[in-house]
Amino acid sequence: MYHLQRALKVPRSHPYKYIDPYYYPEEERNRSNCCAKLFGHAVKFIIAVLFFIGVIILFLWLFFRPYPVNVYVEAAQLNRFQMFTSVPPYINYNLTAVVSMQNPNKFIGVHYDWLELDSFYQDARFDWTALPTFYQEPTNSTVLKADVGGGTYFWLRSNGVEDFSREENTTGIYSVNLWLYGDVRYQFKWVKTRKRQLSVKCPVKLSVTVPGMPAAFFNRTSCNVVRYWMKA
């Protein structure tokens, strides 16, 4: 304290002037305030730009977001469906199905890179067939036809043979599941998305068509999209 008092009593003309450690020249204070203002304006500008970009991305996603394709079974006919009670059971079949795939997007096309139609009875697959790959324009519909036939062994659940006999002897209508598997990509202008894995289940009820008789009436069946994931 004594030294500080002595320092305050030093005259202005003295060669050793007292310098206040908390004193800043006015020019340095103005320069510091100017830098702080510039930094604040830069931060606000960056936040505004990021917010604007986020709004644009949200708008584009809401307006152009791709919807899953719609799949329908337009017609299906079972010409032969006979099971032999061996171990494992043996089935003799002939199945024809007409499937339509609709792109509901107004501005986005769909690339079908791989398509496969599998036929199941009681959760056991008895045949499959590959479908053609193609590009589908926006708001467009494509019809595909699949024919499978032959004979094969396949495993059923414990009471599967009894269920088959009951359906055959009572109603003559069989519950068949058609599964459509595929890889799809979306395209908007020149931008293409990554592949999505598509799994669609089409439950249909079919009766065996007697040779020489008209085919049974079939109601158009809407399919359920079970899986629609982005592939790793």
Protein backbone atom coordinates (compact mmCIF):
# COMPACT_ATOMS: atom_id res chain seq x y z
CA MET A 1 0.00 0.00 0.00
CA TYR A 2 2.86 2.34 0.79
CA HIS A 3 4.45 1.78 -2.58
CA LEU A 4 1.12 2.38 -4.33
CA GLN A 5 0.71 5.70 -2.53
CA ARG A 6 4.19 6.71 -3.51
CA ALA A 7 3.44 5.75 -7.10
CA LEU A 8 0.33 7.93 -7.13
CA LYS A 9 2.37 10.92 -5.87
CA VAL A 10 4.82 10.74 -8.72
CA PRO A 11 4.53 13.96 -10.75
CA ARG A 12 3.64 13.87 -14.41
CA SER A 13 7.05 15.20 -15.41
CA HIS A 14 8.79 12.41 -13.61
CA PRO A 15 10.52 9.99 -16.04
CA TYR A 16 9.04 7.01 -14.23
CA LYS A 17 5.28 7.40 -14.55
CA TYR A 18 2.79 5.11 -12.83
CA ILE A 19 0.86 2.86 -15.22
CA ASP A 20 -2.54 1.61 -14.12
CA PRO A 21 -2.75 -2.13 -14.90
CA TYR A 22 -6.52 -1.80 -15.52
CA TYR A 23 -6.20 1.07 -17.93
CA TYR A 24 -6.77 0.43 -21.68
CA PRO A 25 -6.40 3.10 -24.29
CA GLU A 26 -9.63 4.13 -26.01
CA GLU A 27 -8.43 2.91 -29.42
CA GLU A 28 -7.85 -0.61 -28.06
CA ARG A 29 -11.27 -0.61 -26.41
CA ASN A 30 -12.93 0.39 -29.70
CA ARG A 31 -10.99 -2.24 -31.59
CA SER A 32 -12.01 -4.94 -29.09
CA ASN A 33 -15.68 -3.94 -29.26
CA CYS A 34 -15.55 -3.94 -33.06
CA CYS A 35 -14.12 -7.50 -33.13
CA ALA A 36 -16.77 -8.71 -30.69
CA LYS A 37 -19.54 -7.19 -32.82
CA LEU A 38 -18.14 -8.74 -36.00
CA PHE A 39 -17.91 -12.12 -34.31
CA GLY A 40 -21.49 -11.84 -33.04
CA HIS A 41 -22.76 -10.87 -36.50
CA ALA A 42 -20.85 -13.79 -38.07
CA VAL A 43 -22.37 -16.27 -35.59
CA LYS A 44 -25.87 -14.91 -36.23
CA PHE A 45 -25.31 -15.12 -39.99
CA ILE A 46 -24.14 -18.75 -39.77
CA ILE A 47 -27.14 -19.69 -37.60
CA ALA A 48 -29.51 -17.97 -40.05
CA VAL A 49 -27.95 -19.80 -43.02
CA LEU A 50 -28.17 -23.19 -41.26
CA PHE A 51 -31.78 -22.51 -40.31
CA PHE A 52 -32.62 -21.54 -43.89
CA ILE A 53 -30.95 -24.68 -45.25
CA GLY A 54 -32.83 -26.80 -42.70
CA VAL A 55 -36.15 -25.26 -43.73
CA ILE A 56 -35.40 -25.97 -47.41
CA ILE A 57 -34.43 -29.59 -46.67
CA LEU A 58 -37.59 -30.09 -44.60
CA PHE A 59 -39.73 -28.61 -47.37
CA LEU A 60 -38.11 -30.79 -50.03
CA TRP A 61 -38.48 -33.88 -47.86
CA LEU A 62 -42.17 -33.20 -47.22
CA PHE A 63 -42.83 -32.39 -50.86
CA PHE A 64 -40.66 -34.97 -52.60
CA ARG A 65 -40.42 -37.75 -50.00
CA PRO A 66 -40.74 -41.15 -51.71
CA TYR A 67 -43.74 -43.28 -50.87
CA PRO A 68 -43.55 -47.09 -50.95
CA VAL A 69 -44.82 -48.80 -54.07
CA ASN A 70 -48.32 -50.27 -54.14
CA VAL A 71 -48.62 -53.93 -55.10
CA TYR A 72 -51.80 -55.77 -56.12
CA VAL A 73 -52.60 -59.27 -57.30
CA GLU A 74 -54.84 -58.62 -60.27
CA ALA A 75 -55.51 -62.28 -61.10
CA ALA A 76 -54.44 -65.70 -59.91
CA GLN A 77 -55.33 -69.17 -61.07
CA LEU A 78 -54.55 -72.54 -59.56
CA ASN A 79 -54.70 -75.20 -62.26
CA ARG A 80 -53.31 -78.05 -60.17
CA PHE A 81 -52.74 -78.44 -56.44
CA GLN A 82 -52.40 -82.01 -55.24
CA MET A 83 -50.57 -83.27 -52.17
CA PHE A 84 -49.21 -86.75 -51.52
CA THR A 85 -48.87 -87.76 -47.87
CA SER A 86 -45.29 -88.89 -47.98
CA VAL A 87 -42.53 -87.89 -45.55
CA PRO A 88 -41.91 -85.11 -46.29
CA PRO A 89 -45.13 -84.34 -48.18
CA TYR A 90 -44.92 -84.04 -51.93
CA ILE A 91 -47.00 -81.42 -53.75
CA ASN A 92 -47.88 -81.22 -57.43
CA TYR A 93 -48.95 -77.73 -58.52
CA ASN A 94 -49.47 -75.23 -61.31
CA LEU A 95 -50.02 -71.60 -60.41
CA THR A 96 -50.38 -68.45 -62.50
CA ALA A 97 -50.42 -64.97 -60.97
CA VAL A 98 -50.67 -61.47 -62.44
CA VAL A 99 -49.14 -58.78 -60.21
CA SER A 100 -49.35 -55.02 -60.74
CA MET A 101 -46.85 -52.59 -59.22
CA GLN A 102 -47.82 -48.93 -58.92
CA ASN A 103 -45.55 -45.98 -58.28
CA PRO A 104 -47.61 -43.42 -56.31
CA ASN A 105 -44.93 -40.69 -56.40
CA LYS A 106 -45.60 -37.69 -58.63
CA PHE A 107 -42.00 -36.61 -59.23
CA ILE A 108 -39.92 -39.66 -58.35
CA GLY A 109 -39.21 -42.73 -60.48
CA VAL A 110 -38.43 -46.21 -59.16
CA HIS A 111 -35.65 -48.57 -60.22
CA TYR A 112 -36.44 -52.24 -59.59
CA ASP A 113 -32.96 -53.77 -59.49
CA TRP A 114 -34.09 -57.23 -58.40
CA LEU A 115 -37.52 -58.86 -58.12
CA GLU A 116 -38.58 -62.34 -57.08
CA LEU A 117 -42.02 -63.89 -56.48
CA ASP A 118 -42.19 -66.79 -54.01
CA SER A 119 -45.20 -69.08 -53.47
CA PHE A 120 -45.96 -70.35 -49.96
CA TYR A 121 -48.49 -72.73 -48.50
CA GLN A 122 -48.72 -72.87 -44.69
CA ASP A 123 -45.47 -70.87 -44.38
CA ALA A 124 -43.61 -73.43 -46.52
CA ARG A 125 -42.26 -72.30 -49.88
CA PHE A 126 -42.98 -74.64 -52.74
CA ASP A 127 -41.71 -72.54 -55.68
CA TRP A 128 -40.30 -69.20 -56.76
CA THR A 129 -39.66 -67.32 -59.99
CA ALA A 130 -37.57 -64.32 -60.98
CA LEU A 131 -39.34 -61.25 -62.36
CA PRO A 132 -37.85 -58.78 -64.86
CA THR A 133 -36.08 -55.66 -63.61
CA PHE A 134 -37.13 -52.27 -64.96
CA TYR A 135 -37.42 -48.53 -64.34
CA GLN A 136 -40.86 -47.17 -63.53
CA GLU A 137 -41.87 -43.60 -64.31
CA PRO A 138 -43.70 -41.46 -61.71
CA THR A 139 -47.41 -42.25 -61.22
CA ASN A 140 -47.10 -45.29 -63.44
CA SER A 141 -48.30 -48.89 -63.18
CA THR A 142 -46.59 -52.03 -64.47
CA VAL A 143 -48.16 -55.48 -64.79
CA LEU A 144 -46.03 -58.60 -64.34
CA LYS A 145 -47.05 -62.22 -64.91
CA ALA A 146 -45.58 -65.21 -63.12
CA ASP A 147 -46.08 -68.90 -63.92
CA VAL A 148 -44.84 -71.67 -61.66
CA GLY A 149 -45.50 -75.36 -61.91
CA GLY A 150 -44.07 -78.75 -61.16
CA GLY A 151 -43.67 -80.88 -58.08
CA THR A 152 -41.54 -80.73 -54.96
CA TYR A 153 -41.09 -82.01 -51.44
CA PHE A 154 -41.62 -79.47 -48.70
CA TRP A 155 -42.00 -79.48 -44.94
CA LEU A 156 -45.29 -78.52 -43.29
CA ARG A 157 -46.17 -77.97 -39.67
CA SER A 158 -47.33 -80.97 -37.62
CA ASN A 159 -50.98 -80.77 -38.66
CA GLY A 160 -50.32 -79.35 -42.13
CA VAL A 161 -51.47 -82.42 -44.03
CA GLU A 162 -54.71 -82.54 -42.04
CA ASP A 163 -55.36 -78.86 -42.78
CA PHE A 164 -54.76 -79.46 -46.47
CA SER A 165 -57.23 -82.37 -46.48
CA ARG A 166 -59.83 -80.31 -44.66
CA GLU A 167 -59.56 -77.44 -47.14
CA GLU A 168 -59.69 -79.87 -50.05
CA ASN A 169 -62.74 -81.76 -48.82
CA THR A 170 -64.80 -78.90 -47.33
CA THR A 171 -64.40 -75.68 -49.29
CA GLY A 172 -61.91 -76.56 -52.00
CA ILE A 173 -60.28 -73.16 -51.40
CA TYR A 174 -56.59 -73.02 -50.46
CA SER A 175 -54.84 -70.18 -48.63
CA VAL A 176 -51.72 -69.35 -50.59
CA ASN A 177 -49.28 -66.55 -49.77
CA LEU A 178 -47.39 -64.85 -52.57
CA TRP A 179 -44.31 -63.01 -51.35
CA LEU A 180 -42.64 -60.38 -53.52
CA TYR A 181 -39.01 -59.62 -52.69
CA GLY A 182 -36.86 -56.99 -54.34
CA ASP A 183 -34.34 -54.17 -54.23
CA VAL A 184 -35.59 -50.73 -55.26
CA ARG A 185 -34.00 -47.31 -55.73
CA TYR A 186 -35.66 -43.93 -56.16
CA GLN A 187 -34.63 -41.33 -58.71
CA PHE A 188 -35.43 -37.62 -58.83
CA LYS A 189 -33.92 -35.95 -61.88
CA TRP A 190 -30.29 -37.15 -61.77
CA VAL A 191 -30.25 -37.98 -58.04
CA LYS A 192 -30.60 -41.65 -57.03
CA THR A 193 -31.06 -43.02 -53.53
CA ARG A 194 -29.49 -46.07 -51.98
CA LYS A 195 -31.18 -49.44 -52.36
CA ARG A 196 -34.15 -50.34 -50.20
CA GLN A 197 -35.09 -53.92 -49.40
CA LEU A 198 -38.69 -54.62 -50.32
CA SER A 199 -40.79 -57.45 -48.90
CA VAL A 200 -44.49 -57.63 -49.81
CA LYS A 201 -47.01 -60.23 -48.67
CA CYS A 202 -50.02 -61.04 -50.86
CA PRO A 203 -52.46 -63.48 -49.22
CA VAL A 204 -54.79 -65.04 -51.78
CA LYS A 205 -57.44 -67.73 -51.61
CA LEU A 206 -57.56 -69.98 -54.65
CA SER A 207 -59.55 -72.95 -55.83
CA VAL A 208 -58.37 -75.47 -58.39
CA THR A 209 -59.68 -74.77 -61.87
CA VAL A 210 -61.24 -77.83 -63.45
CA PRO A 211 -59.97 -78.45 -67.01
CA GLY A 212 -62.52 -77.35 -69.57
CA MET A 213 -64.37 -75.18 -67.05
CA PRO A 214 -64.10 -71.38 -66.68
CA ALA A 215 -61.73 -70.14 -64.01
CA ALA A 216 -63.18 -69.15 -60.66
CA PHE A 217 -63.85 -65.45 -60.10
CA PHE A 218 -60.92 -63.73 -58.42
CA ASN A 219 -61.15 -60.52 -56.43
CA ARG A 220 -58.33 -58.05 -56.83
CA THR A 221 -56.14 -58.41 -53.74
CA SER A 222 -54.15 -55.62 -52.11
CA CYS A 223 -50.75 -56.64 -50.78
CA ASN A 224 -49.09 -55.58 -47.54
CA VAL A 225 -45.62 -54.03 -47.47
CA VAL A 226 -43.97 -55.93 -44.62
CA ARG A 227 -40.40 -54.66 -44.94
CA TYR A 228 -39.09 -51.50 -46.52
CA TRP A 229 -35.62 -50.94 -45.12
CA MET A 230 -32.55 -49.12 -46.35
CA LYS A 231 -29.87 -51.68 -47.19
CA ALA A 232 -26.54 -51.41 -45.43
